Amino acid sequence: MLVSAKDMLTKAKQGHYAVGHFNINNLEWTKAILLTAQELNSPVILGVSEGAGKYMCGFNTVVAMVNAMLDTLKITVPVALHLDHGTYEGAKACIEAGFSSVMFDGSHYPIEENIEKTKELVAVCNKLGLSLEAEVGAIGGEEDGVVGMGECADPDECKMIADLGVTMLAAGIGNMHGKYPANWKGLSFETLAAVQAKTGSLPLVLHGGTGIPADMIRKAIDLGVCKINVNTECQIAFTAAVRKYIEEGKDLQGKGFDPRKLLAPGVEAIKATVKEKMELFGSVDKA
């Protein structure tokens, strides 16, 4: 059964580790992440962007697929199904479809409007027992067509959003989605520490987990980050494994063209990436 991310993140904050949020893109992705979480006895958050939701035939399809998999694969670790970078309308649609957690990204609105919309969603989520993530300060890189450099959040604005009763807060600390450019300045731990000081026990979220060096990840966890989002890294690993399979001509041997065989190396690559991240984040055996 899907659960809200609240308990798993409260425990992570207290235990100084982070829960991985891994974006799902299709059936293979979902299965690979769930099996790895179960194998490592780790809580996990399945992230779905609005673009991926559309690609997978809508949020109802995603909910039905994930719920059926939890049952069929006998998954007993805590799993949250979470909307990633949701619009206000998208958040409402996911709540209706049966997601257990949503993110409303109001970071591009003036702070007053971000507060107003977040407040309304807090009330709805509290009533239904769902977790809600909010964002302050834009995360850099490309996310569903929007490109930006990693901006740092204003700690006072973070406090204003935190005080509304959100479950978790994504604060921009110079992090970016996708691959990091060569001239990236690194994470602003100064901003993170200031945000943590203003928001206390609130779980903080780090977006753009791909390509951030391990020591920076560990330091971010020490400073209160307990949810880390990973997407690009799994995509790169998946593609490299499938490319190798084709380049070695395996798709031309026997029934090597069967999509189940063609995608199998990609699935193994996702599993290996997720395992590596769960070990780095410290969530193994924390289910």
Protein backbone atom coordinates (compact mmCIF):
# COMPACT_ATOMS: atom_id res chain seq x y z
CA MET A 1 0.00 0.00 0.00
CA LEU A 2 1.26 3.46 -0.86
CA VAL A 3 2.16 5.68 2.09
CA SER A 4 2.74 9.39 2.53
CA ALA A 5 6.41 10.41 2.70
CA LYS A 6 5.95 12.05 6.10
CA ASP A 7 7.00 9.19 8.40
CA MET A 8 9.93 8.04 6.29
CA LEU A 9 11.32 11.58 6.08
CA THR A 10 10.80 12.37 9.77
CA LYS A 11 12.78 9.20 10.60
CA ALA A 12 15.44 10.11 8.03
CA LYS A 13 15.84 13.60 9.50
CA GLN A 14 16.23 12.17 13.00
CA GLY A 15 18.58 9.42 11.82
CA HIS A 16 20.74 11.67 9.61
CA TYR A 17 20.22 9.80 6.37
CA ALA A 18 18.22 10.55 3.21
CA VAL A 19 15.49 8.71 1.32
CA GLY A 20 16.00 8.51 -2.43
CA HIS A 21 13.35 9.91 -4.75
CA PHE A 22 13.80 8.13 -8.07
CA ASN A 23 11.79 9.29 -11.07
CA ILE A 24 9.91 6.60 -12.95
CA ASN A 25 9.53 6.73 -16.72
CA ASN A 26 7.83 3.44 -17.57
CA LEU A 27 7.09 -0.08 -16.30
CA GLU A 28 10.73 -1.24 -16.38
CA TRP A 29 11.84 1.77 -14.36
CA THR A 30 9.19 1.28 -11.69
CA LYS A 31 9.86 -2.44 -11.34
CA ALA A 32 13.65 -1.94 -11.11
CA ILE A 33 13.35 0.69 -8.37
CA LEU A 34 10.78 -1.23 -6.32
CA LEU A 35 12.76 -4.51 -6.46
CA THR A 36 15.96 -2.74 -5.39
CA ALA A 37 14.22 -0.97 -2.49
CA GLN A 38 12.78 -4.30 -1.30
CA GLU A 39 16.12 -6.07 -1.67
CA LEU A 40 17.93 -3.38 0.33
CA ASN A 41 15.08 -2.99 2.83
CA SER A 42 14.97 0.74 2.11
CA PRO A 43 12.06 3.17 2.04
CA VAL A 44 11.67 4.78 -1.39
CA ILE A 45 9.86 7.62 -3.15
CA LEU A 46 8.76 7.10 -6.76
CA GLY A 47 8.74 10.47 -8.50
CA VAL A 48 6.57 11.27 -11.50
CA SER A 49 6.94 14.49 -13.45
CA GLU A 50 3.87 15.80 -15.26
CA GLY A 51 5.59 15.02 -18.57
CA ALA A 52 6.28 11.41 -17.53
CA GLY A 53 2.72 11.09 -16.24
CA LYS A 54 1.39 12.15 -19.63
CA TYR A 55 3.77 9.76 -21.38
CA MET A 56 2.52 6.87 -19.22
CA CYS A 57 -1.12 7.55 -20.26
CA GLY A 58 -2.06 9.75 -17.34
CA PHE A 59 -1.89 9.72 -13.55
CA ASN A 60 -4.64 7.09 -13.16
CA THR A 61 -2.58 4.62 -15.20
CA VAL A 62 0.50 5.33 -13.07
CA VAL A 63 -1.40 4.79 -9.80
CA ALA A 64 -2.96 1.54 -11.07
CA MET A 65 0.42 0.23 -12.28
CA VAL A 66 2.28 1.06 -9.06
CA ASN A 67 -0.43 -0.33 -6.78
CA ALA A 68 -0.60 -3.55 -8.79
CA MET A 69 3.19 -3.91 -8.67
CA LEU A 70 3.32 -3.44 -4.89
CA ASP A 71 0.91 -6.32 -4.66
CA THR A 72 2.40 -8.63 -7.30
CA LEU A 73 6.03 -8.08 -6.28
CA LYS A 74 5.07 -8.37 -2.58
CA ILE A 75 6.70 -5.05 -1.69
CA THR A 76 6.68 -4.50 2.07
CA VAL A 77 9.01 -1.48 2.37
CA PRO A 78 7.38 1.99 2.60
CA VAL A 79 6.72 3.41 -0.88
CA ALA A 80 5.41 6.91 -1.61
CA LEU A 81 4.16 7.86 -5.08
CA HIS A 82 5.06 11.51 -5.51
CA LEU A 83 4.34 14.17 -8.12
CA ASP A 84 7.61 15.90 -9.03
CA HIS A 85 7.61 19.67 -9.78
CA GLY A 86 3.85 19.79 -10.03
CA THR A 87 1.79 22.72 -11.17
CA TYR A 88 -1.15 23.72 -9.00
CA GLU A 89 -3.54 21.92 -11.40
CA GLY A 90 -1.22 18.92 -11.66
CA ALA A 91 -1.07 18.58 -7.87
CA LYS A 92 -4.87 18.55 -7.67
CA ALA A 93 -5.10 15.96 -10.48
CA CYS A 94 -2.60 13.65 -8.72
CA ILE A 95 -4.42 13.96 -5.41
CA GLU A 96 -7.58 12.90 -7.22
CA ALA A 97 -5.83 10.01 -9.01
CA GLY A 98 -4.55 8.51 -5.75
CA PHE A 99 -0.94 9.67 -5.39
CA SER A 100 0.24 9.52 -1.76
CA SER A 101 2.43 12.61 -2.02
CA VAL A 102 2.63 15.70 -4.23
CA MET A 103 5.01 18.53 -4.90
CA PHE A 104 3.65 21.93 -5.74
CA ASP A 105 6.40 23.98 -7.33
CA GLY A 106 5.35 27.58 -6.84
CA SER A 107 8.94 28.86 -6.95
CA HIS A 108 8.32 30.86 -10.14
CA TYR A 109 5.38 32.76 -8.58
CA PRO A 110 5.82 35.87 -6.44
CA ILE A 111 6.23 34.64 -2.83
CA GLU A 112 2.71 35.82 -1.85
CA GLU A 113 1.10 33.69 -4.55
CA ASN A 114 3.36 30.72 -3.75
CA ILE A 115 2.19 31.02 -0.11
CA GLU A 116 -1.48 31.30 -1.02
CA LYS A 117 -1.52 28.25 -3.33
CA THR A 118 0.69 26.16 -1.01
CA LYS A 119 -1.59 26.98 1.94
CA GLU A 120 -4.62 25.72 0.06
CA LEU A 121 -2.86 22.46 -0.87
CA VAL A 122 -1.63 21.96 2.72
CA ALA A 123 -5.27 21.94 3.86
CA VAL A 124 -6.28 19.38 1.22
CA CYS A 125 -3.27 17.11 1.88
CA ASN A 126 -3.70 17.24 5.66
CA LYS A 127 -7.31 16.20 5.31
CA LEU A 128 -6.37 13.22 3.13
CA GLY A 129 -3.17 12.25 4.97
CA LEU A 130 -0.88 12.98 2.01
CA SER A 131 2.56 14.57 2.12
CA LEU A 132 3.27 17.86 0.38
CA GLU A 133 6.55 19.27 -0.91
CA ALA A 134 6.98 22.96 -1.66
CA GLU A 135 9.81 24.83 -3.38
CA VAL A 136 11.53 28.17 -2.83
CA GLY A 137 14.30 29.44 -5.14
CA ALA A 138 14.45 27.88 -8.59
CA ILE A 139 16.44 24.69 -9.15
CA GLY A 140 18.70 25.16 -12.17
CA GLY A 141 18.94 23.10 -15.34
CA GLU A 142 16.10 21.93 -17.53
CA GLU A 143 12.87 20.64 -16.03
CA ASP A 144 10.02 20.09 -18.49
CA GLY A 145 11.37 22.75 -20.84
CA VAL A 146 12.26 25.42 -18.26
CA VAL A 147 15.98 26.20 -18.15
CA GLY A 148 17.62 28.11 -15.31
CA MET A 149 20.89 28.42 -13.43
CA GLY A 150 20.75 27.16 -9.84
CA GLU A 151 19.44 30.04 -7.75
CA CYS A 152 19.79 30.20 -4.00
CA ALA A 153 16.63 30.45 -1.95
CA ASP A 154 15.97 33.25 0.53
CA PRO A 155 15.99 31.61 4.00
CA ASP A 156 13.26 34.00 5.23
CA GLU A 157 10.98 32.99 2.36
CA CYS A 158 11.75 29.35 3.17
CA LYS A 159 10.57 29.96 6.73
CA MET A 160 7.34 31.56 5.46
CA ILE A 161 6.56 28.46 3.37
CA ALA A 162 7.72 26.05 6.11
CA ASP A 163 5.38 27.70 8.60
CA LEU A 164 2.38 26.80 6.40
CA GLY A 165 2.74 23.18 7.49
CA VAL A 166 4.30 21.57 4.40
CA THR A 167 5.86 18.12 4.89
CA MET A 168 9.13 18.91 3.12
CA LEU A 169 10.82 21.84 1.46
CA ALA A 170 13.01 22.02 -1.63
CA ALA A 171 15.27 25.04 -1.31
CA GLY A 172 17.50 26.08 -4.19
CA ILE A 173 21.14 25.91 -3.04
CA GLY A 174 22.87 26.16 -6.42
CA ASN A 175 21.75 22.67 -7.44
CA MET A 176 20.62 21.85 -10.98
CA HIS A 177 18.68 19.21 -12.89
CA GLY A 178 20.49 17.17 -15.51
CA LYS A 179 24.23 17.13 -16.05
CA TYR A 180 26.20 19.80 -14.20
CA PRO A 181 28.20 22.23 -16.41
CA ALA A 182 31.99 22.36 -16.09
CA ASN A 183 31.80 25.84 -14.52
CA TRP A 184 29.36 24.78 -11.76
CA LYS A 185 30.28 26.43 -8.48
CA GLY A 186 29.05 23.60 -6.24
CA LEU A 187 26.34 23.61 -3.58
CA SER A 188 25.91 26.63 -1.31
CA PHE A 189 26.18 25.04 2.13
CA GLU A 190 25.92 28.52 3.59
CA THR A 191 22.40 28.85 2.16
CA LEU A 192 21.52 25.32 3.27
CA ALA A 193 22.69 25.97 6.84
CA ALA A 194 20.74 29.26 6.96
CA VAL A 195 17.58 27.52 5.65
CA GLN A 196 18.02 24.67 8.16
CA ALA A 197 18.43 27.21 11.01
CA LYS A 198 15.11 28.87 10.06
CA THR A 199 13.12 25.69 9.37
CA GLY A 200 14.28 23.48 12.25
CA SER A 201 13.08 19.89 12.05
CA LEU A 202 11.43 20.25 8.63
CA PRO A 203 12.80 17.69 6.12
CA LEU A 204 14.75 19.45 3.36
CA VAL A 205 14.92 18.21 -0.24
CA LEU A 206 17.84 18.23 -2.66
CA HIS A 207 16.84 18.20 -6.33
CA GLY A 208 19.30 17.41 -9.11
CA GLY A 209 21.10 14.61 -7.28
CA THR A 210 22.86 13.43 -10.44
CA GLY A 211 26.49 14.44 -10.61
CA ILE A 212 26.81 16.00 -7.17
CA PRO A 213 30.02 14.57 -5.63
CA ALA A 214 29.50 12.04 -2.81
CA ASP A 215 31.19 14.21 -0.17
CA MET A 216 28.81 17.10 -1.00
CA ILE A 217 25.84 14.73 -0.73
CA ARG A 218 27.03 13.59 2.71
CA LYS A 219 27.53 17.15 3.86
CA ALA A 220 24.04 18.12 2.62
CA ILE A 221 22.56 15.22 4.62
CA ASP A 222 24.46 16.43 7.72
CA LEU A 223 22.86 19.84 7.20
CA GLY A 224 19.28 18.53 7.19
CA VAL A 225 18.63 17.20 3.66
CA CYS A 226 16.68 13.95 3.92
CA LYS A 227 15.14 13.51 0.45
CA ILE A 228 17.37 13.45 -2.61
CA ASN A 229 16.01 13.34 -6.16
CA VAL A 230 17.71 11.24 -8.82
CA ASN A 231 16.58 10.91 -12.44
CA THR A 232 19.22 11.73 -15.05
CA GLU A 233 21.75 9.26 -13.63
CA CYS A 234 19.34 6.34 -14.03
CA GLN A 235 18.49 7.47 -17.56
CA ILE A 236 22.17 7.66 -18.56
CA ALA A 237 22.93 4.21 -17.05
CA PHE A 238 19.87 2.67 -18.74
CA THR A 239 20.74 4.09 -22.17
CA ALA A 240 24.40 3.08 -21.95
CA ALA A 241 23.47 -0.53 -21.14
CA VAL A 242 20.91 -0.77 -23.98
CA ARG A 243 23.37 0.87 -26.39
CA LYS A 244 26.04 -1.71 -25.48
CA TYR A 245 23.57 -4.57 -26.07
CA ILE A 246 22.81 -3.25 -29.57
CA GLU A 247 26.42 -2.37 -30.41
CA GLU A 248 27.45 -5.93 -29.50
CA GLY A 249 24.84 -7.15 -31.99
CA LYS A 250 22.88 -9.06 -29.35
CA ASP A 251 19.59 -7.83 -30.79
CA LEU A 252 20.46 -9.80 -33.96
CA GLN A 253 21.10 -13.08 -32.15
CA GLY A 254 18.16 -15.48 -31.74
CA LYS A 255 15.24 -13.57 -30.29
CA GLY A 256 17.45 -10.75 -29.11
CA PHE A 257 15.06 -8.26 -30.69
CA ASP A 258 12.39 -9.10 -28.08
CA PRO A 259 11.91 -5.83 -26.14
CA ARG A 260 12.07 -7.77 -22.87
CA LYS A 261 15.57 -8.94 -23.78
CA LEU A 262 16.59 -5.62 -25.29
CA LEU A 263 15.61 -3.64 -22.19
CA ALA A 264 16.86 -6.16 -19.60
CA PRO A 265 20.44 -4.77 -19.42
CA GLY A 266 18.95 -1.30 -18.95
CA VAL A 267 16.84 -2.53 -16.05
CA GLU A 268 19.92 -4.06 -14.38
CA ALA A 269 21.75 -0.75 -14.85
CA ILE A 270 18.92 1.16 -13.14
CA LYS A 271 19.01 -1.33 -10.24
CA ALA A 272 22.77 -0.88 -9.84
CA THR A 273 22.43 2.93 -9.87
CA VAL A 274 19.60 2.90 -7.33
CA LYS A 275 21.57 0.54 -5.06
CA GLU A 276 24.62 2.80 -5.20
CA LYS A 277 22.48 5.84 -4.30
CA MET A 278 20.65 4.11 -1.45
CA GLU A 279 24.00 3.09 0.03
CA LEU A 280 25.34 6.64 -0.31
CA PHE A 281 22.18 8.17 1.17
CA GLY A 282 22.27 5.77 4.13
CA SER A 283 18.71 4.42 3.68
CA VAL A 284 19.64 0.71 3.47
CA ASP A 285 17.85 -1.34 6.18
CA LYS A 286 15.86 1.71 7.30
CA ALA A 287 12.47 0.42 6.10
